[in-house]
């Protein structure tokens, strides 16, 4: 049976868990995730785990932050004057907001801290700095011709 290699289109079912067992994402109950190996559309450690698998194979893999969403970056902690937040908004640590870049792209952020009249927003990916455990099942491989 052929192994999944770079350029192959793969269909996989997966469940992602944090160290405490919390499921942060899963394809169960949905169509399998489909992507082409080597295109960089999934995190590097996930793609690396799928490489070499065969159709029907299942595995569990642990992906360190460096192969997932990276470590949290201090430069993505953004101090914002409270008066720049929407009118009537009462910030709470952990609350989710959305900012817009100068190019008009939405960026999800979380309230990291409140320091007087300044709100510190965290634009890091919510899984930055986390070790991720994935249960992966390779459902289909379409070889690159």
N, C-alpha and C. Protein backbone atom coordinates (compact mmCIF):
# COMPACT_ATOMS: atom_id res chain seq x y z
N UNK A 1 0.84 -1.18 0.00
CA UNK A 1 0.00 0.00 0.00
C UNK A 1 0.89 1.24 0.00
N UNK A 2 0.53 2.23 -0.81
CA UNK A 2 1.35 3.42 -0.97
C UNK A 2 1.32 4.31 0.27
N UNK A 3 2.47 4.86 0.58
CA UNK A 3 2.58 5.81 1.69
C UNK A 3 2.30 7.21 1.18
N UNK A 4 1.74 8.06 2.03
CA UNK A 4 1.47 9.46 1.69
C UNK A 4 2.80 10.20 1.57
N UNK A 5 2.98 10.86 0.44
CA UNK A 5 4.21 11.62 0.19
C UNK A 5 3.85 13.04 -0.23
N UNK A 6 4.85 13.90 -0.24
CA UNK A 6 4.66 15.30 -0.62
C UNK A 6 4.01 15.38 -2.00
N UNK A 7 2.99 16.22 -2.13
CA UNK A 7 2.26 16.36 -3.38
C UNK A 7 0.98 15.56 -3.43
N UNK A 8 0.85 14.55 -2.54
CA UNK A 8 -0.38 13.75 -2.48
C UNK A 8 -1.48 14.55 -1.80
N UNK A 9 -2.70 14.35 -2.25
CA UNK A 9 -3.87 14.92 -1.58
C UNK A 9 -4.37 13.87 -0.59
N UNK A 10 -4.48 14.25 0.68
CA UNK A 10 -4.89 13.32 1.72
C UNK A 10 -6.19 13.77 2.35
N UNK A 11 -6.94 12.79 2.84
CA UNK A 11 -8.18 13.04 3.58
C UNK A 11 -7.99 12.36 4.93
N UNK A 12 -8.12 13.13 6.00
CA UNK A 12 -7.85 12.58 7.32
C UNK A 12 -8.94 12.97 8.31
N UNK A 13 -9.16 12.09 9.27
CA UNK A 13 -9.94 12.42 10.46
C UNK A 13 -8.94 12.64 11.58
N UNK A 14 -9.26 13.58 12.45
CA UNK A 14 -8.33 13.91 13.54
C UNK A 14 -9.10 14.40 14.75
N UNK A 15 -8.46 14.29 15.89
CA UNK A 15 -8.91 14.92 17.12
C UNK A 15 -7.67 15.52 17.77
N UNK A 16 -7.75 16.81 18.09
CA UNK A 16 -6.64 17.50 18.75
C UNK A 16 -6.95 17.76 20.21
N UNK A 17 -5.99 17.44 21.08
CA UNK A 17 -6.17 17.62 22.53
C UNK A 17 -5.01 18.41 23.12
N UNK A 18 -5.33 19.11 24.20
CA UNK A 18 -4.30 19.79 24.99
C UNK A 18 -3.79 18.82 26.05
N UNK A 19 -2.74 19.22 26.78
CA UNK A 19 -2.15 18.37 27.82
C UNK A 19 -3.16 17.90 28.85
N UNK A 20 -4.16 18.74 29.14
CA UNK A 20 -5.16 18.38 30.17
C UNK A 20 -6.29 17.51 29.61
N UNK A 21 -6.19 17.13 28.33
CA UNK A 21 -7.20 16.27 27.71
C UNK A 21 -8.32 17.03 27.01
N UNK A 22 -8.35 18.35 27.14
CA UNK A 22 -9.37 19.16 26.49
C UNK A 22 -9.26 19.03 24.97
N UNK A 23 -10.37 18.73 24.30
CA UNK A 23 -10.39 18.68 22.83
C UNK A 23 -10.53 20.10 22.32
N UNK A 24 -9.58 20.55 21.49
CA UNK A 24 -9.66 21.89 20.93
C UNK A 24 -10.17 21.89 19.50
N UNK A 25 -10.12 20.74 18.82
CA UNK A 25 -10.65 20.64 17.46
C UNK A 25 -10.76 19.16 17.09
N UNK A 26 -11.74 18.87 16.22
CA UNK A 26 -11.92 17.50 15.77
C UNK A 26 -12.71 17.50 14.47
N UNK A 27 -12.43 16.52 13.63
CA UNK A 27 -13.19 16.37 12.39
C UNK A 27 -14.31 15.35 12.56
N UNK A 28 -14.42 14.73 13.74
CA UNK A 28 -15.44 13.71 13.96
C UNK A 28 -16.82 14.33 13.77
N UNK A 29 -17.68 13.61 13.05
CA UNK A 29 -19.01 14.12 12.76
C UNK A 29 -19.05 15.06 11.57
N UNK A 30 -17.91 15.27 10.93
CA UNK A 30 -17.81 16.13 9.75
C UNK A 30 -17.09 15.35 8.65
N UNK A 31 -17.01 15.97 7.49
CA UNK A 31 -16.20 15.39 6.41
C UNK A 31 -14.74 15.38 6.85
N UNK A 32 -13.95 14.42 6.37
CA UNK A 32 -12.51 14.43 6.69
C UNK A 32 -11.85 15.72 6.19
N UNK A 33 -10.81 16.13 6.87
CA UNK A 33 -10.00 17.26 6.43
C UNK A 33 -9.22 16.82 5.20
N UNK A 34 -9.27 17.62 4.13
CA UNK A 34 -8.53 17.29 2.90
C UNK A 34 -7.51 18.40 2.64
N UNK A 35 -6.28 18.01 2.34
CA UNK A 35 -5.24 18.97 1.99
C UNK A 35 -4.15 18.26 1.21
N UNK A 36 -3.33 19.03 0.54
CA UNK A 36 -2.21 18.48 -0.24
C UNK A 36 -0.93 18.61 0.57
N UNK A 37 -0.27 17.49 0.78
CA UNK A 37 0.99 17.48 1.53
C UNK A 37 2.03 18.33 0.80
N UNK A 38 2.73 19.16 1.57
CA UNK A 38 3.78 19.99 1.00
C UNK A 38 3.35 21.41 0.68
N UNK A 39 2.05 21.70 0.78
CA UNK A 39 1.57 23.05 0.48
C UNK A 39 1.58 23.97 1.71
N UNK A 40 1.82 23.40 2.88
CA UNK A 40 1.93 24.22 4.09
C UNK A 40 0.61 24.78 4.60
N UNK A 41 -0.50 24.10 4.32
CA UNK A 41 -1.80 24.60 4.77
C UNK A 41 -2.16 24.14 6.19
N UNK A 42 -1.42 23.19 6.72
CA UNK A 42 -1.60 22.75 8.11
C UNK A 42 -0.27 23.00 8.85
N UNK A 43 -0.32 22.96 10.16
CA UNK A 43 0.91 23.21 10.93
C UNK A 43 1.97 22.16 10.56
N UNK A 44 3.25 22.55 10.60
CA UNK A 44 4.33 21.66 10.16
C UNK A 44 4.35 20.30 10.84
N UNK A 45 4.16 20.25 12.15
CA UNK A 45 4.21 18.97 12.85
C UNK A 45 3.08 18.04 12.47
N UNK A 46 1.93 18.58 12.11
CA UNK A 46 0.79 17.78 11.67
C UNK A 46 1.09 17.17 10.31
N UNK A 47 1.59 18.00 9.40
CA UNK A 47 1.94 17.51 8.07
C UNK A 47 3.01 16.43 8.16
N UNK A 48 4.00 16.66 8.99
CA UNK A 48 5.09 15.68 9.17
C UNK A 48 4.55 14.35 9.69
N UNK A 49 3.54 14.42 10.58
CA UNK A 49 2.95 13.19 11.14
C UNK A 49 2.21 12.39 10.07
N UNK A 50 1.59 13.08 9.11
CA UNK A 50 0.81 12.40 8.06
C UNK A 50 1.73 11.79 6.99
N UNK A 51 2.87 12.43 6.74
CA UNK A 51 3.82 11.90 5.74
C UNK A 51 4.20 10.46 6.11
N UNK A 52 4.11 9.58 5.16
CA UNK A 52 4.50 8.19 5.37
C UNK A 52 3.38 7.29 5.86
N UNK A 53 2.24 7.87 6.23
CA UNK A 53 1.11 7.04 6.65
C UNK A 53 0.49 6.36 5.43
N UNK A 54 -0.21 5.25 5.65
CA UNK A 54 -0.91 4.54 4.59
C UNK A 54 -2.41 4.60 4.86
N UNK A 55 -3.21 4.42 3.81
CA UNK A 55 -4.66 4.46 3.92
C UNK A 55 -5.13 3.51 5.01
N UNK A 56 -6.00 4.01 5.92
CA UNK A 56 -6.54 3.20 7.00
C UNK A 56 -5.69 3.23 8.26
N UNK A 57 -4.48 3.75 8.18
CA UNK A 57 -3.59 3.80 9.34
C UNK A 57 -4.04 4.89 10.31
N UNK A 58 -3.89 4.61 11.60
CA UNK A 58 -4.15 5.59 12.65
C UNK A 58 -2.91 5.74 13.51
N UNK A 59 -2.73 6.92 14.08
CA UNK A 59 -1.61 7.15 14.98
C UNK A 59 -1.95 8.30 15.90
N UNK A 60 -1.20 8.36 16.98
CA UNK A 60 -1.27 9.50 17.89
C UNK A 60 0.10 10.15 17.88
N UNK A 61 0.12 11.47 17.76
CA UNK A 61 1.38 12.19 17.71
C UNK A 61 1.30 13.41 18.60
N UNK A 62 2.43 13.73 19.23
CA UNK A 62 2.53 14.92 20.08
C UNK A 62 3.38 15.94 19.33
N UNK A 63 2.84 17.14 19.19
CA UNK A 63 3.51 18.18 18.41
C UNK A 63 3.93 19.30 19.36
N UNK A 64 5.24 19.59 19.43
CA UNK A 64 5.70 20.67 20.30
C UNK A 64 5.32 22.03 19.71
N UNK A 65 5.28 23.08 20.53
CA UNK A 65 4.89 24.40 20.05
C UNK A 65 5.68 24.87 18.82
N UNK A 66 6.95 24.52 18.76
CA UNK A 66 7.79 24.97 17.65
C UNK A 66 7.34 24.40 16.31
N UNK A 67 6.64 23.27 16.32
CA UNK A 67 6.13 22.65 15.11
C UNK A 67 4.62 22.87 14.95
N UNK A 68 4.06 23.72 15.85
CA UNK A 68 2.63 24.01 15.81
C UNK A 68 2.44 25.52 15.57
N UNK A 69 2.05 26.24 16.60
CA UNK A 69 1.77 27.68 16.45
C UNK A 69 2.86 28.55 17.04
N UNK A 70 3.98 27.93 17.41
CA UNK A 70 5.12 28.67 17.92
C UNK A 70 4.92 29.12 19.36
N UNK A 71 5.96 29.73 19.92
CA UNK A 71 5.84 30.25 21.28
C UNK A 71 5.04 31.56 21.25
N UNK A 72 4.45 31.94 22.38
CA UNK A 72 3.80 33.26 22.42
C UNK A 72 4.85 34.35 22.19
N UNK A 73 4.47 35.37 21.46
CA UNK A 73 5.40 36.46 21.14
C UNK A 73 4.97 37.74 21.86
N UNK A 74 5.91 38.32 22.62
CA UNK A 74 5.62 39.53 23.39
C UNK A 74 5.16 40.68 22.51
N UNK A 75 5.68 40.76 21.28
CA UNK A 75 5.31 41.87 20.40
C UNK A 75 3.85 41.79 19.94
N UNK A 76 3.19 40.66 20.22
CA UNK A 76 1.77 40.53 19.88
C UNK A 76 0.87 40.84 21.08
N UNK A 77 1.47 41.34 22.17
CA UNK A 77 0.70 41.90 23.28
C UNK A 77 0.60 43.40 23.00
N UNK A 78 -0.61 43.85 22.73
CA UNK A 78 -0.82 45.20 22.22
C UNK A 78 -1.54 46.09 23.24
N UNK A 79 -0.85 47.13 23.75
CA UNK A 79 -1.53 48.05 24.67
C UNK A 79 -2.45 48.98 23.88
N UNK A 80 -3.70 49.07 24.33
CA UNK A 80 -4.69 49.91 23.65
C UNK A 80 -5.37 50.77 24.72
N UNK A 81 -5.44 52.08 24.49
CA UNK A 81 -6.19 52.92 25.44
C UNK A 81 -7.65 52.46 25.49
N UNK A 82 -8.21 52.35 26.69
CA UNK A 82 -9.57 51.86 26.87
C UNK A 82 -10.57 52.68 26.05
N UNK A 83 -10.31 53.96 25.85
CA UNK A 83 -11.26 54.80 25.10
C UNK A 83 -11.33 54.43 23.62
N UNK A 84 -10.37 53.63 23.13
CA UNK A 84 -10.40 53.19 21.73
C UNK A 84 -11.25 51.93 21.54
N UNK A 85 -11.70 51.34 22.62
CA UNK A 85 -12.57 50.17 22.52
C UNK A 85 -13.99 50.64 22.20
N UNK A 86 -14.84 49.74 21.70
CA UNK A 86 -16.21 50.14 21.35
C UNK A 86 -16.94 50.79 22.53
N UNK A 87 -17.77 51.78 22.23
CA UNK A 87 -18.55 52.47 23.26
C UNK A 87 -19.34 51.47 24.11
N UNK A 88 -19.25 51.63 25.42
CA UNK A 88 -20.02 50.78 26.32
C UNK A 88 -19.39 49.44 26.60
N UNK A 89 -18.27 49.11 25.93
CA UNK A 89 -17.63 47.81 26.14
C UNK A 89 -16.88 47.82 27.46
N UNK A 90 -17.16 46.83 28.31
CA UNK A 90 -16.46 46.66 29.58
C UNK A 90 -15.50 45.49 29.42
N UNK A 91 -14.19 45.75 29.26
CA UNK A 91 -13.25 44.64 29.03
C UNK A 91 -13.12 43.73 30.24
N UNK A 92 -13.02 42.42 29.95
CA UNK A 92 -12.76 41.42 30.97
C UNK A 92 -11.62 40.54 30.48
N UNK A 93 -10.69 40.21 31.37
CA UNK A 93 -9.56 39.35 31.00
C UNK A 93 -10.11 38.04 30.43
N UNK A 94 -9.59 37.64 29.28
CA UNK A 94 -10.00 36.42 28.60
C UNK A 94 -11.06 36.64 27.53
N UNK A 95 -11.70 37.80 27.52
CA UNK A 95 -12.74 38.07 26.53
C UNK A 95 -12.15 38.13 25.12
N UNK A 96 -12.93 37.68 24.15
CA UNK A 96 -12.50 37.68 22.75
C UNK A 96 -13.00 38.95 22.06
N UNK A 97 -12.16 39.54 21.25
CA UNK A 97 -12.51 40.70 20.42
C UNK A 97 -11.96 40.46 19.03
N UNK A 98 -12.29 41.37 18.13
CA UNK A 98 -11.71 41.30 16.78
C UNK A 98 -11.21 42.68 16.40
N UNK A 99 -9.97 42.72 15.95
CA UNK A 99 -9.38 43.95 15.43
C UNK A 99 -9.31 43.83 13.92
N UNK A 100 -9.02 44.93 13.26
CA UNK A 100 -8.85 44.91 11.82
C UNK A 100 -7.49 45.52 11.50
N UNK A 101 -6.71 44.84 10.65
CA UNK A 101 -5.40 45.37 10.26
C UNK A 101 -5.58 46.56 9.32
N UNK A 102 -4.48 47.26 9.06
CA UNK A 102 -4.51 48.39 8.14
C UNK A 102 -4.95 47.94 6.74
N UNK A 103 -4.76 46.65 6.42
CA UNK A 103 -5.17 46.10 5.13
C UNK A 103 -6.61 45.60 5.15
N UNK A 104 -7.30 45.76 6.29
CA UNK A 104 -8.70 45.36 6.38
C UNK A 104 -8.92 43.92 6.78
N UNK A 105 -7.85 43.20 7.16
CA UNK A 105 -7.98 41.80 7.56
C UNK A 105 -8.41 41.70 9.03
N UNK A 106 -9.41 40.85 9.34
CA UNK A 106 -9.79 40.67 10.74
C UNK A 106 -8.74 39.86 11.50
N UNK A 107 -8.49 40.25 12.74
CA UNK A 107 -7.54 39.55 13.60
C UNK A 107 -8.22 39.29 14.94
N UNK A 108 -8.41 38.01 15.32
CA UNK A 108 -8.99 37.75 16.63
C UNK A 108 -7.96 38.05 17.72
N UNK A 109 -8.41 38.68 18.80
CA UNK A 109 -7.55 39.00 19.94
C UNK A 109 -8.31 38.66 21.22
N UNK A 110 -7.54 38.48 22.30
CA UNK A 110 -8.12 38.26 23.62
C UNK A 110 -7.63 39.35 24.56
N UNK A 111 -8.47 39.71 25.53
CA UNK A 111 -8.03 40.66 26.55
C UNK A 111 -7.07 39.91 27.47
N UNK A 112 -5.82 40.35 27.48
CA UNK A 112 -4.77 39.70 28.28
C UNK A 112 -4.71 40.29 29.69
N UNK A 113 -4.82 41.61 29.78
CA UNK A 113 -4.72 42.29 31.07
C UNK A 113 -5.38 43.66 30.95
N UNK A 114 -5.73 44.21 32.11
CA UNK A 114 -6.26 45.57 32.18
C UNK A 114 -5.37 46.31 33.17
N UNK A 115 -4.73 47.37 32.68
CA UNK A 115 -3.80 48.14 33.51
C UNK A 115 -4.27 49.59 33.52
N UNK A 116 -5.10 49.92 34.50
CA UNK A 116 -5.65 51.27 34.58
C UNK A 116 -6.53 51.55 33.37
N UNK A 117 -6.17 52.57 32.60
CA UNK A 117 -6.94 52.96 31.42
C UNK A 117 -6.42 52.30 30.14
N UNK A 118 -5.52 51.34 30.30
CA UNK A 118 -4.95 50.63 29.15
C UNK A 118 -5.37 49.17 29.20
N UNK A 119 -5.81 48.67 28.05
CA UNK A 119 -6.18 47.26 27.92
C UNK A 119 -5.10 46.60 27.08
N UNK A 120 -4.53 45.50 27.58
CA UNK A 120 -3.51 44.76 26.84
C UNK A 120 -4.22 43.65 26.07
N UNK A 121 -4.17 43.73 24.74
CA UNK A 121 -4.78 42.72 23.88
C UNK A 121 -3.72 41.74 23.41
N UNK A 122 -4.06 40.48 23.35
CA UNK A 122 -3.14 39.42 22.94
C UNK A 122 -3.55 38.92 21.56
N UNK A 123 -2.70 39.17 20.56
CA UNK A 123 -2.97 38.75 19.19
C UNK A 123 -2.27 37.43 18.84
N UNK A 124 -1.66 36.77 19.83
CA UNK A 124 -1.07 35.45 19.59
C UNK A 124 -2.19 34.46 19.27
N UNK A 125 -1.85 33.43 18.48
CA UNK A 125 -2.81 32.36 18.24
C UNK A 125 -3.16 31.74 19.60
N UNK A 126 -4.43 31.39 19.84
CA UNK A 126 -4.81 30.81 21.14
C UNK A 126 -4.02 29.56 21.51
N UNK A 127 -3.47 28.84 20.53
CA UNK A 127 -2.71 27.62 20.82
C UNK A 127 -1.19 27.85 20.83
N UNK A 128 -0.77 29.12 20.70
CA UNK A 128 0.67 29.42 20.76
C UNK A 128 1.22 28.98 22.11
N UNK A 129 2.38 28.35 22.09
CA UNK A 129 3.04 27.90 23.31
C UNK A 129 2.53 26.58 23.86
N UNK A 130 1.56 25.97 23.19
CA UNK A 130 0.96 24.74 23.69
C UNK A 130 1.49 23.52 22.93
N UNK A 131 1.70 22.43 23.68
CA UNK A 131 2.00 21.14 23.08
C UNK A 131 0.66 20.52 22.70
N UNK A 132 0.55 20.03 21.47
CA UNK A 132 -0.71 19.52 20.95
C UNK A 132 -0.61 18.03 20.67
N UNK A 133 -1.61 17.27 21.08
CA UNK A 133 -1.67 15.84 20.81
C UNK A 133 -2.78 15.59 19.81
N UNK A 134 -2.45 14.93 18.72
CA UNK A 134 -3.43 14.63 17.68
C UNK A 134 -3.57 13.12 17.50
N UNK A 135 -4.81 12.67 17.44
CA UNK A 135 -5.13 11.32 16.98
C UNK A 135 -5.50 11.50 15.51
N UNK A 136 -4.78 10.80 14.63
CA UNK A 136 -4.94 10.98 13.18
C UNK A 136 -5.29 9.65 12.54
N UNK A 137 -6.25 9.67 11.63
CA UNK A 137 -6.58 8.49 10.82
C UNK A 137 -6.56 8.93 9.36
N UNK A 138 -5.72 8.26 8.57
CA UNK A 138 -5.64 8.56 7.15
C UNK A 138 -6.74 7.80 6.42
N UNK A 139 -7.72 8.54 5.89
CA UNK A 139 -8.89 7.95 5.27
C UNK A 139 -8.65 7.66 3.79
N UNK A 140 -7.94 8.56 3.11
CA UNK A 140 -7.73 8.42 1.67
C UNK A 140 -6.45 9.13 1.25
N UNK A 141 -5.77 8.56 0.26
CA UNK A 141 -4.58 9.17 -0.33
C UNK A 141 -4.81 9.22 -1.85
N UNK A 142 -4.68 10.40 -2.42
CA UNK A 142 -4.74 10.55 -3.88
C UNK A 142 -3.34 10.95 -4.32
N UNK A 143 -2.65 9.99 -4.93
CA UNK A 143 -1.26 10.19 -5.30
C UNK A 143 -1.11 11.32 -6.30
N UNK A 144 0.00 12.04 -6.16
CA UNK A 144 0.36 13.10 -7.11
C UNK A 144 0.81 12.43 -8.39
N UNK A 145 0.13 12.71 -9.48
CA UNK A 145 0.47 12.07 -10.77
C UNK A 145 1.44 12.89 -11.57
